[in-house]
């Protein structure tokens, strides 16, 4: 039994997706870290993303959820978002990745999606404020997870049975991140009905 993913074509679209989403998410995490430093130096500092009572990075940063593991969450992004960039480069060069490599990365992307989904729920239902840079990270992780997972499944990384499902879903893969975006947008509009008045 081979441990190499069965696809032989160079997955340019998937590689480009990982590169773009990884770079943008890494940049957003970097900006969040800079804002964290500003807050440490001056707790009363007004950040560039403190736009109004609803769109306010400071409220999110100073919350317990913003330091889930005892340090600022964006530090996880600085470390973690290097991975999709690296995987994107590997795929773009045509290097054949092993199943274990793709599955391990897929698990990591899934955990990232779970984490940003949890952060979304905490932002909306607990903190009561939206962080633009955080939302940019969500916007990148969502397609990164859904599109890569469906592609990876269609390549047979999770077995022949799952591969048939992946191939059936692949033409409609765009619908999954779109539904995810719509759920977040509708939830925000329901929980913050006046947010549009401040935009």
N, C-alpha and C. Protein backbone atom coordinates (compact mmCIF):
# COMPACT_ATOMS: atom_id res chain seq x y z
N UNK A 1 0.85 -1.20 0.00
CA UNK A 1 0.00 0.00 0.00
C UNK A 1 0.88 1.25 0.00
N UNK A 2 0.64 2.12 -0.93
CA UNK A 2 1.44 3.34 -1.01
C UNK A 2 0.98 4.36 0.02
N UNK A 3 1.89 5.16 0.48
CA UNK A 3 1.55 6.22 1.43
C UNK A 3 1.50 7.57 0.75
N UNK A 4 1.59 7.56 -0.57
CA UNK A 4 1.58 8.82 -1.32
C UNK A 4 0.17 9.13 -1.80
N UNK A 5 -0.22 10.39 -1.70
CA UNK A 5 -1.53 10.79 -2.17
C UNK A 5 -1.68 10.43 -3.64
N UNK A 6 -2.85 9.88 -4.06
CA UNK A 6 -2.99 9.34 -5.39
C UNK A 6 -3.03 10.34 -6.51
N UNK A 7 -3.23 11.62 -6.20
CA UNK A 7 -3.31 12.59 -7.28
C UNK A 7 -1.94 12.84 -7.89
N UNK A 8 -1.88 12.96 -9.19
CA UNK A 8 -0.61 13.20 -9.88
C UNK A 8 -0.55 14.61 -10.47
N UNK A 9 -1.70 15.25 -10.62
CA UNK A 9 -1.70 16.59 -11.17
C UNK A 9 -1.25 17.59 -10.12
N UNK A 10 -0.55 18.61 -10.57
CA UNK A 10 -0.11 19.64 -9.65
C UNK A 10 -1.33 20.49 -9.26
N UNK A 11 -1.70 20.51 -7.98
CA UNK A 11 -2.93 21.21 -7.54
C UNK A 11 -2.68 22.71 -7.39
N UNK A 12 -2.59 23.41 -8.52
CA UNK A 12 -2.24 24.83 -8.50
C UNK A 12 -3.29 25.65 -7.74
N UNK A 13 -4.56 25.36 -7.97
CA UNK A 13 -5.62 26.14 -7.32
C UNK A 13 -5.58 25.97 -5.81
N UNK A 14 -5.40 24.75 -5.35
CA UNK A 14 -5.33 24.49 -3.91
C UNK A 14 -4.09 25.14 -3.32
N UNK A 15 -2.97 25.03 -4.02
CA UNK A 15 -1.74 25.64 -3.55
C UNK A 15 -1.88 27.16 -3.45
N UNK A 16 -2.49 27.76 -4.46
CA UNK A 16 -2.71 29.21 -4.46
C UNK A 16 -3.63 29.61 -3.31
N UNK A 17 -4.67 28.80 -3.08
CA UNK A 17 -5.59 29.07 -1.97
C UNK A 17 -4.84 29.09 -0.64
N UNK A 18 -4.00 28.09 -0.41
CA UNK A 18 -3.26 28.01 0.84
C UNK A 18 -2.27 29.17 0.98
N UNK A 19 -1.62 29.52 -0.12
CA UNK A 19 -0.67 30.63 -0.08
C UNK A 19 -1.35 31.95 0.25
N UNK A 20 -2.45 32.24 -0.46
CA UNK A 20 -3.14 33.52 -0.27
C UNK A 20 -3.75 33.60 1.13
N UNK A 21 -4.51 32.59 1.51
CA UNK A 21 -5.15 32.62 2.83
C UNK A 21 -4.12 32.60 3.95
N UNK A 22 -3.05 31.84 3.75
CA UNK A 22 -2.01 31.78 4.77
C UNK A 22 -1.30 33.11 4.95
N UNK A 23 -0.95 33.76 3.84
CA UNK A 23 -0.26 35.05 3.92
C UNK A 23 -1.15 36.12 4.54
N UNK A 24 -2.41 36.19 4.11
CA UNK A 24 -3.32 37.21 4.64
C UNK A 24 -3.58 36.98 6.13
N UNK A 25 -3.82 35.72 6.51
CA UNK A 25 -4.06 35.41 7.92
C UNK A 25 -2.82 35.70 8.77
N UNK A 26 -1.65 35.41 8.23
CA UNK A 26 -0.41 35.70 8.95
C UNK A 26 -0.24 37.20 9.15
N UNK A 27 -0.57 37.96 8.12
CA UNK A 27 -0.49 39.42 8.24
C UNK A 27 -1.46 39.94 9.30
N UNK A 28 -2.69 39.41 9.31
CA UNK A 28 -3.67 39.84 10.30
C UNK A 28 -3.21 39.49 11.71
N UNK A 29 -2.63 38.31 11.88
CA UNK A 29 -2.10 37.91 13.19
C UNK A 29 -0.96 38.83 13.61
N UNK A 30 -0.12 39.20 12.66
CA UNK A 30 0.99 40.11 12.94
C UNK A 30 0.47 41.47 13.40
N UNK A 31 -0.57 41.99 12.73
CA UNK A 31 -1.14 43.27 13.13
C UNK A 31 -1.75 43.19 14.51
N UNK A 32 -2.36 42.06 14.82
CA UNK A 32 -2.94 41.88 16.15
C UNK A 32 -1.85 41.87 17.23
N UNK A 33 -0.73 41.24 16.92
CA UNK A 33 0.38 41.21 17.88
C UNK A 33 0.91 42.63 18.11
N UNK A 34 1.03 43.41 17.05
CA UNK A 34 1.48 44.80 17.20
C UNK A 34 0.51 45.59 18.07
N UNK A 35 -0.79 45.37 17.86
CA UNK A 35 -1.79 46.06 18.68
C UNK A 35 -1.70 45.61 20.14
N UNK A 36 -1.39 44.33 20.35
CA UNK A 36 -1.21 43.83 21.72
C UNK A 36 -0.06 44.56 22.39
N UNK A 37 1.05 44.76 21.67
CA UNK A 37 2.19 45.48 22.23
C UNK A 37 1.79 46.92 22.58
N UNK A 38 1.00 47.54 21.71
CA UNK A 38 0.55 48.91 21.98
C UNK A 38 -0.27 48.95 23.27
N UNK A 39 -1.11 47.94 23.47
CA UNK A 39 -1.94 47.88 24.67
C UNK A 39 -1.10 47.65 25.92
N UNK A 40 -0.06 46.83 25.80
CA UNK A 40 0.81 46.60 26.95
C UNK A 40 1.55 47.89 27.34
N UNK A 41 1.99 48.63 26.34
CA UNK A 41 2.71 49.88 26.61
C UNK A 41 1.79 50.96 27.15
N UNK A 42 0.57 51.00 26.63
CA UNK A 42 -0.39 52.00 27.06
C UNK A 42 -1.79 51.38 27.08
N UNK A 43 -2.24 50.90 28.25
CA UNK A 43 -3.55 50.25 28.35
C UNK A 43 -4.72 51.12 27.89
N UNK A 44 -4.51 52.45 27.87
CA UNK A 44 -5.58 53.35 27.45
C UNK A 44 -5.49 53.73 25.97
N UNK A 45 -4.55 53.11 25.27
CA UNK A 45 -4.37 53.44 23.85
C UNK A 45 -5.61 53.09 23.04
N UNK A 46 -5.93 53.96 22.09
CA UNK A 46 -7.03 53.71 21.16
C UNK A 46 -6.41 53.14 19.89
N UNK A 47 -6.77 51.91 19.57
CA UNK A 47 -6.18 51.23 18.42
C UNK A 47 -6.85 51.65 17.13
N UNK A 48 -6.16 51.42 16.03
CA UNK A 48 -6.69 51.79 14.72
C UNK A 48 -7.96 51.03 14.39
N UNK A 49 -8.14 49.85 15.01
CA UNK A 49 -9.33 49.05 14.74
C UNK A 49 -10.42 49.26 15.78
N UNK A 50 -10.24 50.25 16.65
CA UNK A 50 -11.30 50.64 17.57
C UNK A 50 -12.17 51.68 16.87
N UNK A 51 -13.14 51.20 16.11
CA UNK A 51 -13.91 52.08 15.23
C UNK A 51 -15.14 52.66 15.93
N UNK A 52 -15.88 51.82 16.63
CA UNK A 52 -17.10 52.23 17.30
C UNK A 52 -17.42 51.21 18.40
N UNK A 53 -18.53 51.38 19.12
CA UNK A 53 -18.82 50.43 20.21
C UNK A 53 -18.96 48.98 19.77
N UNK A 54 -19.29 48.74 18.52
CA UNK A 54 -19.49 47.38 18.03
C UNK A 54 -18.22 46.80 17.39
N UNK A 55 -17.49 47.64 16.70
CA UNK A 55 -16.24 47.21 16.05
C UNK A 55 -15.09 47.75 16.89
N UNK A 56 -14.57 46.89 17.77
CA UNK A 56 -13.64 47.36 18.78
C UNK A 56 -12.67 46.24 19.14
N UNK A 57 -11.42 46.36 18.67
CA UNK A 57 -10.41 45.34 18.95
C UNK A 57 -10.03 45.28 20.42
N UNK A 58 -10.00 46.43 21.07
CA UNK A 58 -9.53 46.48 22.46
C UNK A 58 -10.37 45.59 23.36
N UNK A 59 -11.69 45.62 23.18
CA UNK A 59 -12.56 44.79 24.02
C UNK A 59 -12.26 43.31 23.85
N UNK A 60 -11.96 42.92 22.61
CA UNK A 60 -11.66 41.51 22.34
C UNK A 60 -10.30 41.14 22.90
N UNK A 61 -9.30 42.01 22.69
CA UNK A 61 -7.93 41.71 23.14
C UNK A 61 -7.82 41.58 24.65
N UNK A 62 -8.55 42.41 25.37
CA UNK A 62 -8.43 42.42 26.82
C UNK A 62 -9.32 41.39 27.49
N UNK A 63 -10.08 40.63 26.71
CA UNK A 63 -10.95 39.62 27.27
C UNK A 63 -10.17 38.36 27.62
N UNK A 64 -10.76 37.52 28.47
CA UNK A 64 -10.14 36.25 28.83
C UNK A 64 -10.03 35.35 27.61
N UNK A 65 -11.02 35.43 26.72
CA UNK A 65 -11.01 34.60 25.51
C UNK A 65 -9.86 34.98 24.58
N UNK A 66 -9.40 36.20 24.67
CA UNK A 66 -8.30 36.65 23.83
C UNK A 66 -6.94 36.13 24.27
N UNK A 67 -6.92 35.49 25.47
CA UNK A 67 -5.68 34.91 26.01
C UNK A 67 -6.02 33.51 26.53
N UNK A 68 -6.55 32.69 25.66
CA UNK A 68 -7.09 31.40 26.08
C UNK A 68 -6.05 30.52 26.76
N UNK A 69 -4.82 30.55 26.27
CA UNK A 69 -3.76 29.68 26.81
C UNK A 69 -2.76 30.45 27.69
N UNK A 70 -3.17 31.63 28.13
CA UNK A 70 -2.31 32.41 29.00
C UNK A 70 -1.43 33.41 28.27
N UNK A 71 -1.50 33.43 26.95
CA UNK A 71 -0.77 34.40 26.14
C UNK A 71 -1.68 34.84 25.00
N UNK A 72 -1.39 35.95 24.33
CA UNK A 72 -2.28 36.46 23.28
C UNK A 72 -2.51 35.43 22.17
N UNK A 73 -3.77 35.23 21.82
CA UNK A 73 -4.11 34.27 20.76
C UNK A 73 -3.37 34.53 19.44
N UNK A 74 -3.12 35.80 19.06
CA UNK A 74 -2.44 36.03 17.77
C UNK A 74 -1.07 35.36 17.65
N UNK A 75 -0.44 35.06 18.80
CA UNK A 75 0.84 34.37 18.73
C UNK A 75 0.69 32.98 18.14
N UNK A 76 -0.48 32.36 18.37
CA UNK A 76 -0.76 31.08 17.73
C UNK A 76 -0.80 31.24 16.22
N UNK A 77 -1.39 32.36 15.78
CA UNK A 77 -1.47 32.62 14.34
C UNK A 77 -0.11 32.84 13.72
N UNK A 78 0.76 33.57 14.44
CA UNK A 78 2.10 33.81 13.91
C UNK A 78 2.85 32.50 13.68
N UNK A 79 2.62 31.53 14.56
CA UNK A 79 3.28 30.23 14.41
C UNK A 79 2.53 29.34 13.43
N UNK A 80 1.20 29.31 13.56
CA UNK A 80 0.41 28.35 12.80
C UNK A 80 0.23 28.66 11.34
N UNK A 81 0.12 29.93 10.98
CA UNK A 81 -0.17 30.26 9.58
C UNK A 81 1.04 30.16 8.66
N UNK A 82 2.17 29.84 9.24
CA UNK A 82 3.32 29.51 8.40
C UNK A 82 3.08 28.17 7.70
N UNK A 83 2.31 27.29 8.35
CA UNK A 83 2.07 25.94 7.81
C UNK A 83 1.36 25.95 6.46
N UNK A 84 0.21 26.65 6.31
CA UNK A 84 -0.43 26.64 4.99
C UNK A 84 0.43 27.26 3.90
N UNK A 85 1.24 28.24 4.27
CA UNK A 85 2.15 28.83 3.28
C UNK A 85 3.16 27.79 2.82
N UNK A 86 3.71 27.06 3.79
CA UNK A 86 4.69 26.03 3.46
C UNK A 86 4.07 24.90 2.64
N UNK A 87 2.88 24.46 3.03
CA UNK A 87 2.20 23.39 2.28
C UNK A 87 1.85 23.87 0.88
N UNK A 88 1.43 25.12 0.77
CA UNK A 88 1.12 25.68 -0.55
C UNK A 88 2.33 25.66 -1.46
N UNK A 89 3.49 26.00 -0.92
CA UNK A 89 4.72 25.98 -1.71
C UNK A 89 5.06 24.55 -2.12
N UNK A 90 4.91 23.61 -1.19
CA UNK A 90 5.20 22.20 -1.49
C UNK A 90 4.32 21.71 -2.64
N UNK A 91 3.02 22.01 -2.56
CA UNK A 91 2.10 21.57 -3.61
C UNK A 91 2.38 22.27 -4.94
N UNK A 92 2.74 23.54 -4.86
CA UNK A 92 2.97 24.31 -6.08
C UNK A 92 4.21 23.83 -6.83
N UNK A 93 5.18 23.32 -6.11
CA UNK A 93 6.39 22.82 -6.76
C UNK A 93 6.19 21.45 -7.39
N UNK A 94 5.03 20.87 -7.13
CA UNK A 94 4.76 19.56 -7.71
C UNK A 94 5.27 18.40 -6.89
N UNK A 95 5.78 18.68 -5.70
CA UNK A 95 6.25 17.61 -4.80
C UNK A 95 5.06 16.76 -4.37
N UNK A 96 5.19 15.45 -4.48
CA UNK A 96 4.10 14.56 -4.10
C UNK A 96 4.10 14.36 -2.59
N UNK A 97 3.07 14.87 -1.94
CA UNK A 97 2.96 14.78 -0.49
C UNK A 97 2.37 13.43 -0.09
N UNK A 98 2.82 12.89 1.02
CA UNK A 98 2.29 11.61 1.51
C UNK A 98 0.92 11.82 2.13
N UNK A 99 0.16 10.74 2.21
CA UNK A 99 -1.15 10.80 2.85
C UNK A 99 -1.04 11.29 4.29
N UNK A 100 -0.07 10.76 5.02
CA UNK A 100 0.08 11.15 6.42
C UNK A 100 0.36 12.65 6.56
N UNK A 101 1.13 13.18 5.63
CA UNK A 101 1.44 14.61 5.64
C UNK A 101 0.17 15.43 5.40
N UNK A 102 -0.61 15.04 4.39
CA UNK A 102 -1.83 15.77 4.06
C UNK A 102 -2.88 15.63 5.15
N UNK A 103 -2.99 14.44 5.72
CA UNK A 103 -3.97 14.23 6.80
C UNK A 103 -3.58 15.04 8.03
N UNK A 104 -2.29 15.03 8.37
CA UNK A 104 -1.83 15.79 9.53
C UNK A 104 -2.11 17.28 9.34
N UNK A 105 -1.83 17.80 8.14
CA UNK A 105 -2.12 19.20 7.88
C UNK A 105 -3.61 19.46 7.94
N UNK A 106 -4.41 18.54 7.43
CA UNK A 106 -5.85 18.68 7.44
C UNK A 106 -6.39 18.75 8.87
N UNK A 107 -5.81 17.93 9.75
CA UNK A 107 -6.20 17.97 11.16
C UNK A 107 -5.88 19.34 11.75
N UNK A 108 -4.71 19.87 11.41
CA UNK A 108 -4.34 21.19 11.89
C UNK A 108 -5.28 22.28 11.41
N UNK A 109 -5.65 22.22 10.13
CA UNK A 109 -6.57 23.21 9.57
C UNK A 109 -7.95 23.07 10.22
N UNK A 110 -8.36 21.84 10.48
CA UNK A 110 -9.64 21.62 11.16
C UNK A 110 -9.62 22.24 12.56
N UNK A 111 -8.55 22.03 13.30
CA UNK A 111 -8.44 22.62 14.63
C UNK A 111 -8.45 24.14 14.57
N UNK A 112 -7.82 24.71 13.54
CA UNK A 112 -7.85 26.16 13.36
C UNK A 112 -9.27 26.64 13.12
N UNK A 113 -10.03 25.88 12.30
CA UNK A 113 -11.42 26.24 12.01
C UNK A 113 -12.27 26.15 13.28
N UNK A 114 -12.07 25.09 14.06
CA UNK A 114 -12.80 24.95 15.32
C UNK A 114 -12.49 26.11 16.25
N UNK A 115 -11.21 26.50 16.30
CA UNK A 115 -10.81 27.59 17.18
C UNK A 115 -11.42 28.91 16.77
N UNK A 116 -11.39 29.24 15.49
CA UNK A 116 -11.96 30.52 15.06
C UNK A 116 -13.48 30.50 15.18
N UNK A 117 -14.09 29.33 15.02
CA UNK A 117 -15.53 29.23 15.22
C UNK A 117 -15.88 29.49 16.67
N UNK A 118 -15.09 28.93 17.57
CA UNK A 118 -15.30 29.20 19.00
C UNK A 118 -15.10 30.68 19.30
N UNK A 119 -14.06 31.27 18.73
CA UNK A 119 -13.82 32.70 18.95
C UNK A 119 -14.97 33.54 18.43
N UNK A 120 -15.54 33.13 17.29
CA UNK A 120 -16.69 33.83 16.75
C UNK A 120 -17.86 33.80 17.74
N UNK A 121 -18.14 32.62 18.30
CA UNK A 121 -19.26 32.51 19.25
C UNK A 121 -19.00 33.36 20.49
N UNK A 122 -17.75 33.38 20.95
CA UNK A 122 -17.43 34.17 22.13
C UNK A 122 -17.52 35.66 21.84
N UNK A 123 -17.09 36.05 20.66
CA UNK A 123 -17.15 37.45 20.26
C UNK A 123 -18.58 37.95 20.20
N UNK A 124 -19.45 37.15 19.63
CA UNK A 124 -20.83 37.57 19.42
C UNK A 124 -21.66 37.45 20.69
N UNK A 125 -21.56 36.33 21.38
CA UNK A 125 -22.46 36.07 22.50
C UNK A 125 -21.90 36.42 23.87
N UNK A 126 -20.60 36.63 23.99
CA UNK A 126 -20.02 36.90 25.30
C UNK A 126 -19.36 38.28 25.37
N UNK A 127 -18.43 38.54 24.46
CA UNK A 127 -17.68 39.80 24.51
C UNK A 127 -18.53 40.97 24.03
N UNK A 128 -19.28 40.76 22.98
CA UNK A 128 -20.18 41.80 22.47
C UNK A 128 -19.50 42.85 21.65
N UNK A 129 -18.38 42.50 21.00
CA UNK A 129 -17.68 43.43 20.12
C UNK A 129 -17.00 42.64 19.01
N UNK A 130 -16.78 43.30 17.89
CA UNK A 130 -16.17 42.66 16.73
C UNK A 130 -14.78 43.23 16.50
N UNK A 131 -13.83 42.35 16.21
CA UNK A 131 -12.45 42.75 15.95
C UNK A 131 -12.16 42.56 14.46
N UNK A 132 -11.91 43.65 13.72
CA UNK A 132 -11.70 43.53 12.27
C UNK A 132 -10.57 42.58 11.88
N UNK A 133 -9.43 42.68 12.58
CA UNK A 133 -8.32 41.78 12.24
C UNK A 133 -8.66 40.33 12.55
N UNK A 134 -9.38 40.12 13.64
CA UNK A 134 -9.82 38.76 13.98
C UNK A 134 -10.76 38.23 12.89
N UNK A 135 -11.66 39.08 12.43
CA UNK A 135 -12.61 38.67 11.40
C UNK A 135 -11.90 38.36 10.09
N UNK A 136 -10.81 39.06 9.83
CA UNK A 136 -10.02 38.76 8.63
C UNK A 136 -9.40 37.36 8.75
N UNK A 137 -8.95 37.01 9.95
CA UNK A 137 -8.44 35.66 10.17
C UNK A 137 -9.53 34.63 9.95
N UNK A 138 -10.73 34.88 10.50
CA UNK A 138 -11.84 33.96 10.27
C UNK A 138 -12.08 33.79 8.77
N UNK A 139 -12.09 34.91 8.06
CA UNK A 139 -12.40 34.89 6.63
C UNK A 139 -11.39 34.07 5.83
N UNK A 140 -10.17 33.96 6.33
CA UNK A 140 -9.14 33.18 5.64
C UNK A 140 -9.18 31.70 6.04
N UNK A 141 -9.43 31.44 7.32
CA UNK A 141 -9.43 30.05 7.80
C UNK A 141 -10.62 29.27 7.24
N UNK A 142 -11.75 29.93 7.06
CA UNK A 142 -12.95 29.24 6.59
C UNK A 142 -12.75 28.58 5.22
N UNK A 143 -12.35 29.31 4.17
CA UNK A 143 -12.11 28.62 2.90
C UNK A 143 -10.91 27.69 2.96
N UNK A 144 -9.91 28.05 3.75
CA UNK A 144 -8.74 27.18 3.90
C UNK A 144 -9.18 25.79 4.37
N UNK A 145 -10.06 25.76 5.37
CA UNK A 145 -10.51 24.48 5.90
C UNK A 145 -11.43 23.74 4.93
N UNK A 146 -12.51 24.39 4.51
CA UNK A 146 -13.51 23.69 3.70
C UNK A 146 -12.95 23.24 2.35
N UNK A 147 -12.28 24.12 1.64
CA UNK A 147 -11.82 23.78 0.29
C UNK A 147 -10.68 22.77 0.32
N UNK A 148 -9.75 22.95 1.25
CA UNK A 148 -8.66 21.97 1.31
C UNK A 148 -9.18 20.61 1.74
N UNK A 149 -10.09 20.58 2.69
CA UNK A 149 -10.62 19.30 3.18
C UNK A 149 -11.34 18.55 2.08
N UNK A 150 -12.17 19.24 1.32
CA UNK A 150 -12.90 18.57 0.24
C UNK A 150 -11.94 18.09 -0.84
N UNK A 151 -10.97 18.92 -1.19
CA UNK A 151 -9.97 18.49 -2.18
C UNK A 151 -9.17 17.30 -1.67
N UNK A 152 -8.72 17.39 -0.44
CA UNK A 152 -7.92 16.31 0.14
C UNK A 152 -8.70 15.01 0.21
N UNK A 153 -9.98 15.12 0.54
CA UNK A 153 -10.84 13.93 0.57
C UNK A 153 -11.01 13.35 -0.82
N UNK A 154 -11.17 14.22 -1.81
CA UNK A 154 -11.35 13.75 -3.19
C UNK A 154 -10.09 13.07 -3.73
N UNK A 155 -8.94 13.36 -3.11
CA UNK A 155 -7.69 12.74 -3.54
C UNK A 155 -7.49 11.36 -2.92
N UNK A 156 -8.37 10.97 -2.00
CA UNK A 156 -8.26 9.65 -1.39
C UNK A 156 -7.48 9.59 -0.11
N UNK A 157 -7.18 10.73 0.49
CA UNK A 157 -6.38 10.73 1.71
C UNK A 157 -7.09 10.08 2.88
N UNK A 158 -8.43 10.02 2.82
CA UNK A 158 -9.21 9.44 3.92
C UNK A 158 -9.86 8.12 3.52
N UNK A 159 -9.38 7.50 2.45
CA UNK A 159 -9.90 6.21 2.03
C UNK A 159 -10.80 6.31 0.81
N UNK A 160 -11.06 5.14 0.21
CA UNK A 160 -11.83 5.09 -1.04
C UNK A 160 -13.27 5.54 -0.85
N UNK A 161 -13.88 5.16 0.27
CA UNK A 161 -15.27 5.55 0.50
C UNK A 161 -15.42 7.05 0.61
N UNK A 162 -14.55 7.66 1.41
CA UNK A 162 -14.59 9.11 1.56
C UNK A 162 -14.20 9.80 0.26
N UNK A 163 -13.35 9.17 -0.53
CA UNK A 163 -12.93 9.76 -1.80
C UNK A 163 -14.11 9.95 -2.74
N UNK A 164 -15.02 8.98 -2.78
CA UNK A 164 -16.21 9.11 -3.63
C UNK A 164 -17.05 10.31 -3.19
N UNK A 165 -17.17 10.48 -1.89
CA UNK A 165 -17.92 11.62 -1.36
C UNK A 165 -17.21 12.92 -1.73
N UNK A 166 -15.89 12.94 -1.56
CA UNK A 166 -15.12 14.13 -1.88
C UNK A 166 -15.23 14.53 -3.34
N UNK A 167 -15.17 13.53 -4.22
CA UNK A 167 -15.29 13.82 -5.66
C UNK A 167 -16.68 14.34 -6.01
N UNK A 168 -17.71 13.84 -5.30
CA UNK A 168 -19.06 14.33 -5.55
C UNK A 168 -19.24 15.76 -5.07
N UNK A 169 -18.56 16.11 -3.97
CA UNK A 169 -18.70 17.45 -3.40
C UNK A 169 -17.79 18.48 -4.07
N UNK A 170 -16.73 18.02 -4.70
CA UNK A 170 -15.71 18.93 -5.23
C UNK A 170 -16.28 20.02 -6.16
N UNK A 171 -17.20 19.69 -7.08
CA UNK A 171 -17.73 20.76 -7.96
C UNK A 171 -18.53 21.81 -7.20
N UNK A 172 -18.96 21.46 -5.99
CA UNK A 172 -19.78 22.39 -5.20
C UNK A 172 -19.03 22.85 -3.95
N UNK A 173 -17.71 22.73 -3.95
CA UNK A 173 -16.94 23.03 -2.75
C UNK A 173 -17.11 24.48 -2.30
N UNK A 174 -17.36 25.39 -3.24
CA UNK A 174 -17.51 26.80 -2.92
C UNK A 174 -18.72 27.05 -2.02
N UNK A 175 -19.72 26.15 -2.07
CA UNK A 175 -20.95 26.36 -1.31
C UNK A 175 -20.71 26.28 0.20
N UNK A 176 -19.73 25.50 0.62
CA UNK A 176 -19.50 25.29 2.05
C UNK A 176 -18.93 26.53 2.73
N UNK A 177 -17.86 27.14 2.23
CA UNK A 177 -17.42 28.39 2.86
C UNK A 177 -18.44 29.51 2.70
N UNK A 178 -19.18 29.52 1.59
CA UNK A 178 -20.21 30.53 1.41
C UNK A 178 -21.28 30.41 2.49
N UNK A 179 -21.72 29.18 2.77
CA UNK A 179 -22.71 28.96 3.82
C UNK A 179 -22.16 29.37 5.18
N UNK A 180 -20.89 29.09 5.40
CA UNK A 180 -20.23 29.47 6.65
C UNK A 180 -20.21 30.99 6.80
N UNK A 181 -19.85 31.68 5.71
CA UNK A 181 -19.86 33.15 5.73
C UNK A 181 -21.25 33.71 6.00
N UNK A 182 -22.24 33.14 5.35
CA UNK A 182 -23.61 33.63 5.51
C UNK A 182 -24.10 33.44 6.94
N UNK A 183 -23.75 32.30 7.53
CA UNK A 183 -24.16 32.06 8.91
C UNK A 183 -23.56 33.11 9.84
N UNK A 184 -22.28 33.41 9.65
CA UNK A 184 -21.63 34.41 10.49
C UNK A 184 -22.24 35.79 10.26
N UNK A 185 -22.45 36.15 9.00
CA UNK A 185 -23.01 37.47 8.68
C UNK A 185 -24.40 37.65 9.26
N UNK A 186 -25.25 36.65 9.08
CA UNK A 186 -26.62 36.73 9.59
C UNK A 186 -26.62 36.80 11.12
N UNK A 187 -25.78 36.00 11.74
CA UNK A 187 -25.70 36.01 13.20
C UNK A 187 -25.26 37.37 13.72
N UNK A 188 -24.27 37.96 13.07
CA UNK A 188 -23.80 39.29 13.49
C UNK A 188 -24.91 40.33 13.34
N UNK A 189 -25.64 40.27 12.24
CA UNK A 189 -26.72 41.24 12.02
C UNK A 189 -27.85 41.06 13.03
N UNK A 190 -28.08 39.82 13.44
CA UNK A 190 -29.13 39.56 14.44
C UNK A 190 -28.68 40.03 15.82
N UNK A 191 -27.43 39.73 16.16
CA UNK A 191 -26.93 40.08 17.50
C UNK A 191 -26.54 41.55 17.61
N UNK A 192 -26.16 42.16 16.49
CA UNK A 192 -25.78 43.58 16.48
C UNK A 192 -26.62 44.32 15.43
N UNK A 193 -27.90 44.47 15.67
CA UNK A 193 -28.77 45.07 14.64
C UNK A 193 -28.41 46.50 14.28
N UNK A 194 -27.68 47.20 15.15
CA UNK A 194 -27.34 48.60 14.88
C UNK A 194 -25.95 48.75 14.29
N UNK A 195 -25.27 47.63 14.03
CA UNK A 195 -23.88 47.74 13.57
C UNK A 195 -23.78 48.47 12.24
N UNK A 196 -24.79 48.29 11.37
CA UNK A 196 -24.75 48.96 10.07
C UNK A 196 -24.87 50.47 10.18
N UNK A 197 -25.44 50.95 11.29
CA UNK A 197 -25.56 52.40 11.47
C UNK A 197 -24.20 53.05 11.68
N UNK A 198 -23.21 52.26 12.08
CA UNK A 198 -21.90 52.82 12.40
C UNK A 198 -20.89 52.59 11.27
N UNK A 199 -21.32 51.91 10.20
CA UNK A 199 -20.41 51.63 9.09
C UNK A 199 -20.51 52.72 8.03
